[in-house]
Amino acid sequence: QVQLVESGGGLVQAGGSLTLACAASGCTSIASAYAMRWLRQAPGKESEWVAQMLPGGSTYYTDSVKGRFTISRDNANNRLFLQMNSLQPEDRAVYYCKVDANWGRGTRVTVSS
């Protein structure tokens, strides 16, 4: 059974940083995944993708987080990360990791102004 568990969310002041982690277990391997993504859903809004990493290491970001967020992975420990710097109130959301078709349950990020 595939399981993705996010951690690292919390409350931070505007301008602060957080690092989210996604631990994969079961039949999901970060090293062999085709697509690894972080998405978020803000209150009252639809979910949006935030960052993506492809197998070769190419990374892509939605415009609003470019230069502030960094997606990375640790194949040996089967983990996906999202480093978030210069957080702003509009970054407030529940953040989900998605590896191929598998979703985690999310971790909440709150940014105070």
Protein backbone atom coordinates (compact mmCIF):
# COMPACT_ATOMS: atom_id res chain seq x y z
CA GLN A 1 0.00 0.00 0.00
CA VAL A 2 1.37 3.36 -1.02
CA GLN A 3 1.61 5.96 1.69
CA LEU A 4 2.77 9.57 1.51
CA VAL A 5 3.05 11.50 4.74
CA GLU A 6 3.77 15.22 4.77
CA SER A 7 5.32 17.04 7.70
CA GLY A 8 6.88 20.38 8.49
CA GLY A 9 3.90 22.66 8.29
CA GLY A 10 3.11 25.18 10.97
CA LEU A 11 2.77 28.83 11.82
CA VAL A 12 5.43 31.26 10.63
CA GLN A 13 5.70 35.03 10.38
CA ALA A 14 5.78 36.70 7.01
CA GLY A 15 9.29 36.58 5.64
CA GLY A 16 10.04 33.36 7.44
CA SER A 17 10.90 29.91 6.15
CA LEU A 18 9.63 26.37 6.43
CA THR A 19 10.76 23.09 4.97
CA LEU A 20 8.10 20.56 4.15
CA ALA A 21 8.94 16.88 3.88
CA CYS A 22 7.05 14.04 2.25
CA ALA A 23 7.95 10.53 3.32
CA ALA A 24 7.02 7.82 0.85
CA SER A 25 6.49 4.20 1.78
CA GLY A 26 4.91 1.11 0.33
CA CYS A 27 5.21 0.61 -3.40
CA THR A 28 6.12 4.21 -4.17
CA SER A 29 9.75 5.00 -4.83
CA ILE A 30 10.90 8.58 -5.15
CA ALA A 31 13.88 7.41 -7.17
CA SER A 32 11.73 5.77 -9.84
CA ALA A 33 8.77 8.14 -9.84
CA TYR A 34 7.86 9.87 -13.06
CA ALA A 35 6.48 13.04 -11.55
CA MET A 36 6.83 14.49 -8.10
CA ARG A 37 4.77 17.51 -7.19
CA TRP A 38 3.82 19.78 -4.37
CA LEU A 39 0.36 21.30 -4.55
CA ARG A 40 -1.55 23.52 -2.18
CA GLN A 41 -5.10 24.46 -1.44
CA ALA A 42 -5.88 27.75 0.20
CA PRO A 43 -9.13 28.27 2.11
CA GLY A 44 -12.01 28.73 -0.30
CA LYS A 45 -9.87 28.14 -3.36
CA GLU A 46 -9.15 25.29 -5.71
CA SER A 47 -5.90 23.39 -5.39
CA GLU A 48 -2.96 24.60 -7.44
CA TRP A 49 0.34 23.00 -8.23
CA VAL A 50 3.30 24.73 -6.70
CA ALA A 51 6.40 22.83 -7.74
CA GLN A 52 7.29 19.83 -9.83
CA MET A 53 10.35 17.67 -10.30
CA LEU A 54 10.79 15.26 -13.20
CA PRO A 55 12.97 12.12 -13.11
CA GLY A 56 15.98 13.83 -14.65
CA GLY A 57 15.92 16.48 -11.98
CA SER A 58 14.28 19.26 -13.94
CA THR A 59 12.21 21.49 -11.71
CA TYR A 60 9.30 23.78 -12.41
CA TYR A 61 7.50 26.30 -10.25
CA THR A 62 4.35 28.28 -10.45
CA ASP A 63 5.12 31.95 -10.99
CA SER A 64 4.08 33.07 -7.53
CA VAL A 65 6.75 30.97 -5.79
CA LYS A 66 9.65 31.21 -8.25
CA GLY A 67 12.80 32.27 -6.49
CA ARG A 68 11.31 31.52 -3.06
CA PHE A 69 10.49 27.79 -3.08
CA THR A 70 12.76 24.88 -3.93
CA ILE A 71 11.70 21.29 -4.55
CA SER A 72 14.23 18.55 -3.89
CA ARG A 73 14.39 14.86 -3.18
CA ASP A 74 16.36 12.34 -1.16
CA ASN A 75 16.24 9.07 -3.08
CA ALA A 76 18.09 7.12 -0.42
CA ASN A 77 15.51 7.98 2.22
CA ASN A 78 12.53 8.07 -0.16
CA ARG A 79 11.64 11.65 0.66
CA LEU A 80 10.52 14.72 -1.20
CA PHE A 81 11.06 18.22 0.17
CA LEU A 82 9.82 21.74 -0.38
CA GLN A 83 11.99 24.53 0.99
CA MET A 84 9.89 27.66 1.35
CA ASN A 85 11.55 31.01 1.95
CA SER A 86 10.20 34.54 2.21
CA LEU A 87 6.76 33.21 3.05
CA GLN A 88 3.86 35.56 2.60
CA PRO A 89 0.29 35.48 3.92
CA GLU A 90 -0.91 34.41 0.47
CA ASP A 91 1.14 31.22 0.85
CA ARG A 92 -1.21 30.09 3.57
CA ALA A 93 -2.69 26.73 2.51
CA VAL A 94 -2.69 23.02 3.06
CA TYR A 95 0.26 21.62 1.15
CA TYR A 96 0.13 18.18 -0.43
CA CYS A 97 2.80 16.05 -2.02
CA LYS A 98 1.91 13.96 -5.01
CA VAL A 99 4.10 11.22 -6.40
CA ASP A 100 2.77 9.94 -9.71
CA ALA A 101 -0.94 9.30 -8.91
CA ASN A 102 -0.55 9.10 -5.14
CA TRP A 103 -1.45 11.90 -2.74
CA GLY A 104 -0.54 12.59 0.84
CA ARG A 105 -3.00 13.96 3.37
CA GLY A 106 -1.43 17.36 3.56
CA THR A 107 0.27 19.62 6.05
CA ARG A 108 -1.05 23.06 6.96
CA VAL A 109 1.02 26.20 6.54
CA THR A 110 -0.12 29.42 8.14
CA VAL A 111 1.70 32.70 7.59
CA SER A 112 1.00 35.62 9.88
CA SER A 113 1.41 39.18 8.65
